[in-house]
């Protein structure tokens, strides 16, 4: 993000959190994540381009990697790696690069 502001949002996820994907006949789809009293909805412009398709593919790849890691941690019985502040102590960034556990 060159020269612009960046906002950050951390959603603590628990068993009450949810996701929803909705399609429509006359507009682009919506993808929503709900956690606690926070609802985040991903929207797209009405006219899509190749960058929008690439973003959706990267989102799917990263969500798959997240699910695989959560399942691995669950099956191993290991803690999630969160510090006392609730922030991850290590992991991957949204670009797929970062510290390996």
PDB file of N, CA and C in Angstrom:
ATOM      1  N   UNK A   1       0.845  -1.170   0.000  1.00  0.00           N
ATOM      2  CA  UNK A   1       0.000   0.000   0.000  1.00  0.00           C
ATOM      3  C   UNK A   1       0.888   1.230   0.000  1.00  0.00           C
ATOM      4  N   UNK A   2       1.120   1.798  -1.105  1.00  0.00           N
ATOM      5  CA  UNK A   2       2.038   2.914  -1.223  1.00  0.00           C
ATOM      6  C   UNK A   2       1.388   4.213  -0.768  1.00  0.00           C
ATOM      7  N   UNK A   3       1.951   4.812   0.289  1.00  0.00           N
ATOM      8  CA  UNK A   3       1.545   6.136   0.707  1.00  0.00           C
ATOM      9  C   UNK A   3       0.179   6.262   1.350  1.00  0.00           C
ATOM     10  N   UNK A   4      -0.543   5.166   1.552  1.00  0.00           N
ATOM     11  CA  UNK A   4      -1.871   5.262   2.141  1.00  0.00           C
ATOM     12  C   UNK A   4      -1.900   4.755   3.563  1.00  0.00           C
ATOM     13  N   UNK A   5      -2.995   4.991   4.220  1.00  0.00           N
ATOM     14  CA  UNK A   5      -3.184   4.474   5.563  1.00  0.00           C
ATOM     15  C   UNK A   5      -3.596   3.019   5.498  1.00  0.00           C
ATOM     16  N   UNK A   6      -3.259   2.298   6.548  1.00  0.00           N
ATOM     17  CA  UNK A   6      -3.664   0.912   6.628  1.00  0.00           C
ATOM     18  C   UNK A   6      -4.358   0.701   7.963  1.00  0.00           C
ATOM     19  N   UNK A   7      -5.496   0.084   7.936  1.00  0.00           N
ATOM     20  CA  UNK A   7      -6.203  -0.266   9.155  1.00  0.00           C
ATOM     21  C   UNK A   7      -5.919  -1.718   9.474  1.00  0.00           C
ATOM     22  N   UNK A   8      -5.946  -2.044  10.753  1.00  0.00           N
ATOM     23  CA  UNK A   8      -5.735  -3.427  11.176  1.00  0.00           C
ATOM     24  C   UNK A   8      -6.891  -3.840  12.062  1.00  0.00           C
ATOM     25  N   UNK A   9      -7.328  -5.061  11.887  1.00  0.00           N
ATOM     26  CA  UNK A   9      -8.422  -5.608  12.678  1.00  0.00           C
ATOM     27  C   UNK A   9      -8.043  -7.021  13.075  1.00  0.00           C
ATOM     28  N   UNK A  10      -8.109  -7.311  14.340  1.00  0.00           N
ATOM     29  CA  UNK A  10      -7.825  -8.651  14.831  1.00  0.00           C
ATOM     30  C   UNK A  10      -9.117  -9.216  15.388  1.00  0.00           C
ATOM     31  N   UNK A  11      -9.550 -10.353  14.852  1.00  0.00           N
ATOM     32  CA  UNK A  11     -10.788 -10.978  15.305  1.00  0.00           C
ATOM     33  C   UNK A  11     -10.470 -12.235  16.090  1.00  0.00           C
ATOM     34  N   UNK A  12     -10.658 -12.212  17.399  1.00  0.00           N
ATOM     35  CA  UNK A  12     -10.488 -13.455  18.159  1.00  0.00           C
ATOM     36  C   UNK A  12     -11.599 -14.432  17.755  1.00  0.00           C
ATOM     37  N   UNK A  13     -11.205 -15.571  17.251  1.00  0.00           N
ATOM     38  CA  UNK A  13     -12.161 -16.554  16.749  1.00  0.00           C
ATOM     39  C   UNK A  13     -12.390 -17.621  17.811  1.00  0.00           C
ATOM     40  N   UNK A  14     -13.650 -17.976  18.004  1.00  0.00           N
ATOM     41  CA  UNK A  14     -13.995 -19.075  18.898  1.00  0.00           C
ATOM     42  C   UNK A  14     -15.093 -19.898  18.233  1.00  0.00           C
ATOM     43  N   UNK A  15     -15.654 -20.840  18.963  1.00  0.00           N
ATOM     44  CA  UNK A  15     -16.650 -21.729  18.362  1.00  0.00           C
ATOM     45  C   UNK A  15     -17.928 -21.011  17.953  1.00  0.00           C
ATOM     46  N   UNK A  16     -18.145 -19.789  18.425  1.00  0.00           N
ATOM     47  CA  UNK A  16     -19.338 -19.028  18.035  1.00  0.00           C
ATOM     48  C   UNK A  16     -19.121 -18.223  16.751  1.00  0.00           C
ATOM     49  N   UNK A  17     -17.881 -18.117  16.283  1.00  0.00           N
ATOM     50  CA  UNK A  17     -17.588 -17.361  15.056  1.00  0.00           C
ATOM     51  C   UNK A  17     -18.177 -18.090  13.849  1.00  0.00           C
ATOM     52  N   UNK A  18     -18.436 -17.333  12.796  1.00  0.00           N
ATOM     53  CA  UNK A  18     -19.010 -17.955  11.606  1.00  0.00           C
ATOM     54  C   UNK A  18     -18.526 -17.261  10.340  1.00  0.00           C
ATOM     55  N   UNK A  19     -18.699 -17.956   9.232  1.00  0.00           N
ATOM     56  CA  UNK A  19     -18.430 -17.393   7.915  1.00  0.00           C
ATOM     57  C   UNK A  19     -19.638 -17.668   7.037  1.00  0.00           C
ATOM     58  N   UNK A  20     -19.816 -16.830   6.034  1.00  0.00           N
ATOM     59  CA  UNK A  20     -20.930 -17.030   5.115  1.00  0.00           C
ATOM     60  C   UNK A  20     -20.530 -16.526   3.734  1.00  0.00           C
ATOM     61  N   UNK A  21     -20.875 -17.290   2.744  1.00  0.00           N
ATOM     62  CA  UNK A  21     -20.657 -16.919   1.345  1.00  0.00           C
ATOM     63  C   UNK A  21     -22.028 -16.821   0.690  1.00  0.00           C
ATOM     64  N   UNK A  22     -22.313 -15.692   0.041  1.00  0.00           N
ATOM     65  CA  UNK A  22     -23.615 -15.510  -0.609  1.00  0.00           C
ATOM     66  C   UNK A  22     -23.418 -15.079  -2.053  1.00  0.00           C
ATOM     67  N   UNK A  23     -24.171 -15.704  -2.922  1.00  0.00           N
ATOM     68  CA  UNK A  23     -24.152 -15.315  -4.329  1.00  0.00           C
ATOM     69  C   UNK A  23     -25.484 -14.656  -4.682  1.00  0.00           C
ATOM     70  N   UNK A  24     -25.449 -13.854  -5.711  1.00  0.00           N
ATOM     71  CA  UNK A  24     -26.628 -13.127  -6.183  1.00  0.00           C
ATOM     72  C   UNK A  24     -26.676 -13.201  -7.697  1.00  0.00           C
ATOM     73  N   UNK A  25     -27.859 -13.126  -8.252  1.00  0.00           N
ATOM     74  CA  UNK A  25     -27.989 -13.184  -9.716  1.00  0.00           C
ATOM     75  C   UNK A  25     -27.487 -11.923 -10.402  1.00  0.00           C
ATOM     76  N   UNK A  26     -27.681 -10.767  -9.791  1.00  0.00           N
ATOM     77  CA  UNK A  26     -27.404  -9.510 -10.483  1.00  0.00           C
ATOM     78  C   UNK A  26     -26.284  -8.677  -9.869  1.00  0.00           C
ATOM     79  N   UNK A  27     -25.512  -9.250  -8.959  1.00  0.00           N
ATOM     80  CA  UNK A  27     -24.391  -8.524  -8.366  1.00  0.00           C
ATOM     81  C   UNK A  27     -23.298  -9.497  -7.938  1.00  0.00           C
ATOM     82  N   UNK A  28     -22.157  -8.953  -7.568  1.00  0.00           N
ATOM     83  CA  UNK A  28     -21.028  -9.791  -7.169  1.00  0.00           C
ATOM     84  C   UNK A  28     -21.287 -10.432  -5.803  1.00  0.00           C
ATOM     85  N   UNK A  29     -20.593 -11.537  -5.508  1.00  0.00           N
ATOM     86  CA  UNK A  29     -20.840 -12.269  -4.260  1.00  0.00           C
ATOM     87  C   UNK A  29     -20.318 -11.523  -3.034  1.00  0.00           C
ATOM     88  N   UNK A  30     -20.755 -11.977  -1.865  1.00  0.00           N
ATOM     89  CA  UNK A  30     -20.291 -11.448  -0.580  1.00  0.00           C
ATOM     90  C   UNK A  30     -19.700 -12.586   0.234  1.00  0.00           C
ATOM     91  N   UNK A  31     -18.634 -12.288   0.951  1.00  0.00           N
ATOM     92  CA  UNK A  31     -18.046 -13.246   1.885  1.00  0.00           C
ATOM     93  C   UNK A  31     -17.960 -12.547   3.228  1.00  0.00           C
ATOM     94  N   UNK A  32     -18.542 -13.148   4.258  1.00  0.00           N
ATOM     95  CA  UNK A  32     -18.642 -12.510   5.564  1.00  0.00           C
ATOM     96  C   UNK A  32     -18.015 -13.370   6.649  1.00  0.00           C
ATOM     97  N   UNK A  33     -17.305 -12.715   7.557  1.00  0.00           N
ATOM     98  CA  UNK A  33     -16.764 -13.350   8.761  1.00  0.00           C
ATOM     99  C   UNK A  33     -17.387 -12.618   9.941  1.00  0.00           C
ATOM    100  N   UNK A  34     -17.973 -13.391  10.858  1.00  0.00           N
ATOM    101  CA  UNK A  34     -18.584 -12.834  12.047  1.00  0.00           C
ATOM    102  C   UNK A  34     -17.904 -13.408  13.271  1.00  0.00           C
ATOM    103  N   UNK A  35     -17.459 -12.523  14.168  1.00  0.00           N
ATOM    104  CA  UNK A  35     -16.810 -12.955  15.412  1.00  0.00           C
ATOM    105  C   UNK A  35     -17.212 -11.972  16.509  1.00  0.00           C
ATOM    106  N   UNK A  36     -17.850 -12.495  17.548  1.00  0.00           N
ATOM    107  CA  UNK A  36     -18.322 -11.617  18.613  1.00  0.00           C
ATOM    108  C   UNK A  36     -19.304 -10.610  18.059  1.00  0.00           C
ATOM    109  N   UNK A  37     -19.039  -9.346  18.326  1.00  0.00           N
ATOM    110  CA  UNK A  37     -19.928  -8.284  17.847  1.00  0.00           C
ATOM    111  C   UNK A  37     -19.362  -7.592  16.607  1.00  0.00           C
ATOM    112  N   UNK A  38     -18.467  -8.291  15.891  1.00  0.00           N
ATOM    113  CA  UNK A  38     -17.841  -7.725  14.689  1.00  0.00           C
ATOM    114  C   UNK A  38     -18.254  -8.544  13.476  1.00  0.00           C
ATOM    115  N   UNK A  39     -18.635  -7.849  12.427  1.00  0.00           N
ATOM    116  CA  UNK A  39     -19.014  -8.473  11.161  1.00  0.00           C
ATOM    117  C   UNK A  39     -18.176  -7.820  10.067  1.00  0.00           C
ATOM    118  N   UNK A  40     -17.398  -8.633   9.348  1.00  0.00           N
ATOM    119  CA  UNK A  40     -16.565  -8.135   8.254  1.00  0.00           C
ATOM    120  C   UNK A  40     -17.070  -8.763   6.963  1.00  0.00           C
ATOM    121  N   UNK A  41     -17.433  -7.936   6.000  1.00  0.00           N
ATOM    122  CA  UNK A  41     -17.931  -8.436   4.725  1.00  0.00           C
ATOM    123  C   UNK A  41     -17.007  -7.977   3.604  1.00  0.00           C
ATOM    124  N   UNK A  42     -16.525  -8.942   2.815  1.00  0.00           N
ATOM    125  CA  UNK A  42     -15.700  -8.625   1.649  1.00  0.00           C
ATOM    126  C   UNK A  42     -16.628  -8.380   0.471  1.00  0.00           C
ATOM    127  N   UNK A  43     -16.455  -7.232  -0.161  1.00  0.00           N
ATOM    128  CA  UNK A  43     -17.267  -6.880  -1.325  1.00  0.00           C
ATOM    129  C   UNK A  43     -16.356  -6.618  -2.512  1.00  0.00           C
ATOM    130  N   UNK A  44     -16.920  -6.671  -3.686  1.00  0.00           N
ATOM    131  CA  UNK A  44     -16.183  -6.437  -4.927  1.00  0.00           C
ATOM    132  C   UNK A  44     -16.908  -5.390  -5.758  1.00  0.00           C
ATOM    133  N   UNK A  45     -16.195  -4.778  -6.695  1.00  0.00           N
ATOM    134  CA  UNK A  45     -16.878  -3.867  -7.618  1.00  0.00           C
ATOM    135  C   UNK A  45     -17.819  -4.667  -8.519  1.00  0.00           C
ATOM    136  N   UNK A  46     -18.777  -4.008  -9.085  1.00  0.00           N
ATOM    137  CA  UNK A  46     -19.731  -4.696  -9.970  1.00  0.00           C
ATOM    138  C   UNK A  46     -19.074  -5.183 -11.260  1.00  0.00           C
ATOM    139  N   UNK A  47     -18.049  -4.492 -11.698  1.00  0.00           N
ATOM    140  CA  UNK A  47     -17.311  -4.926 -12.893  1.00  0.00           C
ATOM    141  C   UNK A  47     -15.988  -5.524 -12.438  1.00  0.00           C
ATOM    142  N   UNK A  48     -15.865  -6.826 -12.582  1.00  0.00           N
ATOM    143  CA  UNK A  48     -14.674  -7.535 -12.106  1.00  0.00           C
ATOM    144  C   UNK A  48     -13.553  -7.500 -13.126  1.00  0.00           C
ATOM    145  N   UNK A  49     -12.316  -7.594 -12.625  1.00  0.00           N
ATOM    146  CA  UNK A  49     -11.163  -7.688 -13.513  1.00  0.00           C
ATOM    147  C   UNK A  49     -10.277  -8.844 -13.046  1.00  0.00           C
ATOM    148  N   UNK A  50      -9.183  -9.070 -13.742  1.00  0.00           N
ATOM    149  CA  UNK A  50      -8.300 -10.192 -13.423  1.00  0.00           C
ATOM    150  C   UNK A  50      -7.729 -10.078 -12.015  1.00  0.00           C
ATOM    151  N   UNK A  51      -7.486  -8.872 -11.518  1.00  0.00           N
ATOM    152  CA  UNK A  51      -6.978  -8.682 -10.166  1.00  0.00           C
ATOM    153  C   UNK A  51      -7.967  -9.166  -9.113  1.00  0.00           C
ATOM    154  N   UNK A  52      -9.259  -8.996  -9.383  1.00  0.00           N
ATOM    155  CA  UNK A  52     -10.286  -9.471  -8.455  1.00  0.00           C
ATOM    156  C   UNK A  52     -10.290 -10.995  -8.393  1.00  0.00           C
ATOM    157  N   UNK A  53     -10.111 -11.625  -9.534  1.00  0.00           N
ATOM    158  CA  UNK A  53     -10.043 -13.089  -9.578  1.00  0.00           C
ATOM    159  C   UNK A  53      -8.805 -13.564  -8.838  1.00  0.00           C
ATOM    160  N   UNK A  54      -7.678 -12.905  -9.041  1.00  0.00           N
ATOM    161  CA  UNK A  54      -6.438 -13.273  -8.357  1.00  0.00           C
ATOM    162  C   UNK A  54      -6.589 -13.122  -6.852  1.00  0.00           C
ATOM    163  N   UNK A  55      -7.212 -12.041  -6.384  1.00  0.00           N
ATOM    164  CA  UNK A  55      -7.436 -11.861  -4.953  1.00  0.00           C
ATOM    165  C   UNK A  55      -8.269 -13.013  -4.398  1.00  0.00           C
ATOM    166  N   UNK A  56      -9.334 -13.383  -5.086  1.00  0.00           N
ATOM    167  CA  UNK A  56     -10.203 -14.469  -4.620  1.00  0.00           C
ATOM    168  C   UNK A  56      -9.435 -15.779  -4.543  1.00  0.00           C
ATOM    169  N   UNK A  57      -8.583 -16.051  -5.509  1.00  0.00           N
ATOM    170  CA  UNK A  57      -7.767 -17.276  -5.487  1.00  0.00           C
ATOM    171  C   UNK A  57      -6.793 -17.264  -4.317  1.00  0.00           C
ATOM    172  N   UNK A  58      -6.123 -16.122  -4.083  1.00  0.00           N
ATOM    173  CA  UNK A  58      -5.191 -16.016  -2.950  1.00  0.00           C
ATOM    174  C   UNK A  58      -5.928 -16.164  -1.621  1.00  0.00           C
ATOM    175  N   UNK A  59      -7.107 -15.580  -1.528  1.00  0.00           N
ATOM    176  CA  UNK A  59      -7.914 -15.721  -0.316  1.00  0.00           C
ATOM    177  C   UNK A  59      -8.231 -17.187  -0.056  1.00  0.00           C
ATOM    178  N   UNK A  60      -8.641 -17.903  -1.082  1.00  0.00           N
ATOM    179  CA  UNK A  60      -8.960 -19.327  -0.936  1.00  0.00           C
ATOM    180  C   UNK A  60      -7.726 -20.130  -0.536  1.00  0.00           C
ATOM    181  N   UNK A  61      -6.585 -19.847  -1.141  1.00  0.00           N
ATOM    182  CA  UNK A  61      -5.346 -20.554  -0.808  1.00  0.00           C
ATOM    183  C   UNK A  61      -4.946 -20.302   0.645  1.00  0.00           C
ATOM    184  N   UNK A  62      -5.016 -19.059   1.084  1.00  0.00           N
ATOM    185  CA  UNK A  62      -4.638 -18.725   2.452  1.00  0.00           C
ATOM    186  C   UNK A  62      -5.628 -19.303   3.461  1.00  0.00           C
ATOM    187  N   UNK A  63      -6.916 -19.305   3.130  1.00  0.00           N
ATOM    188  CA  UNK A  63      -7.923 -19.901   4.017  1.00  0.00           C
ATOM    189  C   UNK A  63      -7.699 -21.405   4.145  1.00  0.00           C
ATOM    190  N   UNK A  64      -7.332 -22.048   3.050  1.00  0.00           N
ATOM    191  CA  UNK A  64      -7.024 -23.480   3.088  1.00  0.00           C
ATOM    192  C   UNK A  64      -5.813 -23.741   3.967  1.00  0.00           C
ATOM    193  N   UNK A  65      -4.760 -22.946   3.806  1.00  0.00           N
ATOM    194  CA  UNK A  65      -3.558 -23.106   4.624  1.00  0.00           C
ATOM    195  C   UNK A  65      -3.879 -22.878   6.103  1.00  0.00           C
ATOM    196  N   UNK A  66      -4.730 -21.904   6.401  1.00  0.00           N
ATOM    197  CA  UNK A  66      -5.147 -21.629   7.776  1.00  0.00           C
ATOM    198  C   UNK A  66      -5.874 -22.837   8.354  1.00  0.00           C
ATOM    199  N   UNK A  67      -6.801 -23.401   7.594  1.00  0.00           N
ATOM    200  CA  UNK A  67      -7.559 -24.566   8.061  1.00  0.00           C
ATOM    201  C   UNK A  67      -6.649 -25.758   8.321  1.00  0.00           C
ATOM    202  N   UNK A  68      -5.688 -25.987   7.451  1.00  0.00           N
ATOM    203  CA  UNK A  68      -4.747 -27.094   7.622  1.00  0.00           C
ATOM    204  C   UNK A  68      -3.941 -26.905   8.908  1.00  0.00           C
ATOM    205  N   UNK A  69      -3.468 -25.685   9.161  1.00  0.00           N
ATOM    206  CA  UNK A  69      -2.670 -25.420  10.357  1.00  0.00           C
ATOM    207  C   UNK A  69      -3.512 -25.539  11.629  1.00  0.00           C
ATOM    208  N   UNK A  70      -4.737 -25.032  11.611  1.00  0.00           N
ATOM    209  CA  UNK A  70      -5.615 -25.155  12.781  1.00  0.00           C
ATOM    210  C   UNK A  70      -5.874 -26.624  13.085  1.00  0.00           C
ATOM    211  N   UNK A  71      -6.150 -27.409  12.060  1.00  0.00           N
ATOM    212  CA  UNK A  71      -6.392 -28.837  12.275  1.00  0.00           C
ATOM    213  C   UNK A  71      -5.145 -29.534  12.808  1.00  0.00           C
ATOM    214  N   UNK A  72      -3.983 -29.175  12.274  1.00  0.00           N
ATOM    215  CA  UNK A  72      -2.731 -29.778  12.745  1.00  0.00           C
ATOM    216  C   UNK A  72      -2.530 -29.480  14.226  1.00  0.00           C
ATOM    217  N   UNK A  73      -2.729 -28.227  14.622  1.00  0.00           N
ATOM    218  CA  UNK A  73      -2.571 -27.856  16.038  1.00  0.00           C
ATOM    219  C   UNK A  73      -3.587 -28.579  16.910  1.00  0.00           C
ATOM    220  N   UNK A  74      -4.817 -28.677  16.448  1.00  0.00           N
ATOM    221  CA  UNK A  74      -5.862 -29.364  17.202  1.00  0.00           C
ATOM    222  C   UNK A  74      -5.506 -30.836  17.406  1.00  0.00           C
ATOM    223  N   UNK A  75      -5.114 -31.492  16.336  1.00  0.00           N
ATOM    224  CA  UNK A  75      -4.796 -32.919  16.418  1.00  0.00           C
ATOM    225  C   UNK A  75      -3.552 -33.193  17.263  1.00  0.00           C
ATOM    226  N   UNK A  76      -2.606 -32.267  17.281  1.00  0.00           N
ATOM    227  CA  UNK A  76      -1.385 -32.469  18.068  1.00  0.00           C
ATOM    228  C   UNK A  76      -1.597 -32.165  19.541  1.00  0.00           C
ATOM    229  N   UNK A  77      -2.694 -31.490  19.873  1.00  0.00           N
ATOM    230  CA  UNK A  77      -2.958 -31.132  21.255  1.00  0.00           C
ATOM    231  C   UNK A  77      -2.089 -29.986  21.739  1.00  0.00           C
ATOM    232  N   UNK A  78      -1.398 -29.343  20.812  1.00  0.00           N
ATOM    233  CA  UNK A  78      -0.520 -28.236  21.174  1.00  0.00           C
ATOM    234  C   UNK A  78      -1.304 -26.948  21.325  1.00  0.00           C
ATOM    235  N   UNK A  79      -0.808 -26.028  22.160  1.00  0.00           N
ATOM    236  CA  UNK A  79      -1.469 -24.723  22.273  1.00  0.00           C
ATOM    237  C   UNK A  79      -1.409 -23.988  20.939  1.00  0.00           C
ATOM    238  N   UNK A  80      -2.252 -22.994  20.796  1.00  0.00           N
ATOM    239  CA  UNK A  80      -2.362 -22.285  19.522  1.00  0.00           C
ATOM    240  C   UNK A  80      -1.180 -21.395  19.212  1.00  0.00           C
ATOM    241  N   UNK A  81      -0.287 -21.156  20.181  1.00  0.00           N
ATOM    242  CA  UNK A  81       0.850 -20.283  19.922  1.00  0.00           C
ATOM    243  C   UNK A  81       0.546 -18.830  20.190  1.00  0.00           C
ATOM    244  N   UNK A  82      -0.576 -18.546  20.855  1.00  0.00           N
ATOM    245  CA  UNK A  82      -0.919 -17.173  21.185  1.00  0.00           C
ATOM    246  C   UNK A  82      -0.196 -16.750  22.446  1.00  0.00           C
ATOM    247  N   UNK A  83       0.240 -15.513  22.447  1.00  0.00           N
ATOM    248  CA  UNK A  83       0.867 -14.957  23.638  1.00  0.00           C
ATOM    249  C   UNK A  83      -0.213 -14.547  24.627  1.00  0.00           C
ATOM    250  N   UNK A  84       0.166 -14.085  25.784  1.00  0.00           N
ATOM    251  CA  UNK A  84      -0.812 -13.667  26.785  1.00  0.00           C
ATOM    252  C   UNK A  84      -1.646 -12.491  26.302  1.00  0.00           C
ATOM    253  N   UNK A  85      -1.177 -11.725  25.316  1.00  0.00           N
ATOM    254  CA  UNK A  85      -1.939 -10.601  24.777  1.00  0.00           C
ATOM    255  C   UNK A  85      -2.988 -11.064  23.777  1.00  0.00           C
ATOM    256  N   UNK A  86      -2.962 -12.357  23.409  1.00  0.00           N
ATOM    257  CA  UNK A  86      -3.907 -12.855  22.417  1.00  0.00           C
ATOM    258  C   UNK A  86      -3.390 -12.763  21.003  1.00  0.00           C
ATOM    259  N   UNK A  87      -2.208 -12.177  20.825  1.00  0.00           N
ATOM    260  CA  UNK A  87      -1.633 -12.049  19.490  1.00  0.00           C
ATOM    261  C   UNK A  87      -0.834 -13.297  19.156  1.00  0.00           C
ATOM    262  N   UNK A  88      -0.813 -13.682  17.884  1.00  0.00           N
ATOM    263  CA  UNK A  88      -0.011 -14.852  17.505  1.00  0.00           C
ATOM    264  C   UNK A  88       1.455 -14.610  17.824  1.00  0.00           C
ATOM    265  N   UNK A  89       2.128 -15.637  18.321  1.00  0.00           N
ATOM    266  CA  UNK A  89       3.540 -15.491  18.625  1.00  0.00           C
ATOM    267  C   UNK A  89       4.406 -15.754  17.409  1.00  0.00           C
ATOM    268  N   UNK A  90       3.864 -16.466  16.426  1.00  0.00           N
ATOM    269  CA  UNK A  90       4.557 -16.693  15.167  1.00  0.00           C
ATOM    270  C   UNK A  90       3.535 -17.172  14.154  1.00  0.00           C
ATOM    271  N   UNK A  91       3.911 -17.179  12.904  1.00  0.00           N
ATOM    272  CA  UNK A  91       2.987 -17.654  11.889  1.00  0.00           C
ATOM    273  C   UNK A  91       3.246 -17.022  10.557  1.00  0.00           C
ATOM    274  N   UNK A  92       2.281 -17.153   9.684  1.00  0.00           N
ATOM    275  CA  UNK A  92       2.421 -16.648   8.327  1.00  0.00           C
ATOM    276  C   UNK A  92       1.610 -15.390   8.139  1.00  0.00           C
ATOM    277  N   UNK A  93       2.109 -14.502   7.314  1.00  0.00           N
ATOM    278  CA  UNK A  93       1.374 -13.289   6.986  1.00  0.00           C
ATOM    279  C   UNK A  93       0.403 -13.590   5.862  1.00  0.00           C
ATOM    280  N   UNK A  94      -0.401 -12.602   5.495  1.00  0.00           N
ATOM    281  CA  UNK A  94      -1.385 -12.819   4.432  1.00  0.00           C
ATOM    282  C   UNK A  94      -0.732 -13.054   3.078  1.00  0.00           C
ATOM    283  N   UNK A  95       0.552 -12.742   2.957  1.00  0.00           N
ATOM    284  CA  UNK A  95       1.233 -13.001   1.691  1.00  0.00           C
ATOM    285  C   UNK A  95       1.739 -14.429   1.617  1.00  0.00           C
ATOM    286  N   UNK A  96       1.550 -15.186   2.732  1.00  0.00           N
ATOM    287  CA  UNK A  96       2.032 -16.550   2.744  1.00  0.00           C
ATOM    288  C   UNK A  96       3.477 -16.657   3.175  1.00  0.00           C
ATOM    289  N   UNK A  97       4.101 -15.521   3.512  1.00  0.00           N
ATOM    290  CA  UNK A  97       5.485 -15.516   3.949  1.00  0.00           C
ATOM    291  C   UNK A  97       5.496 -15.178   5.430  1.00  0.00           C
ATOM    292  N   UNK A  98       6.461 -15.655   6.123  1.00  0.00           N
ATOM    293  CA  UNK A  98       6.569 -15.315   7.540  1.00  0.00           C
ATOM    294  C   UNK A  98       7.350 -16.368   8.272  1.00  0.00           C
ATOM    295  N   UNK A  99       7.315 -16.249   9.580  1.00  0.00           N
ATOM    296  CA  UNK A  99       8.079 -17.177  10.410  1.00  0.00           C
ATOM    297  C   UNK A  99       7.433 -18.549  10.377  1.00  0.00           C
ATOM    298  N   UNK A 100       8.215 -19.552  10.215  1.00  0.00           N
ATOM    299  CA  UNK A 100       7.709 -20.919  10.252  1.00  0.00           C
ATOM    300  C   UNK A 100       7.719 -21.403  11.679  1.00  0.00           C
ATOM    301  N   UNK A 101       6.723 -22.194  12.034  1.00  0.00           N
ATOM    302  CA  UNK A 101       6.642 -22.702  13.410  1.00  0.00           C
ATOM    303  C   UNK A 101       7.554 -23.881  13.605  1.00  0.00           C
TER     304      UNK A 101
END
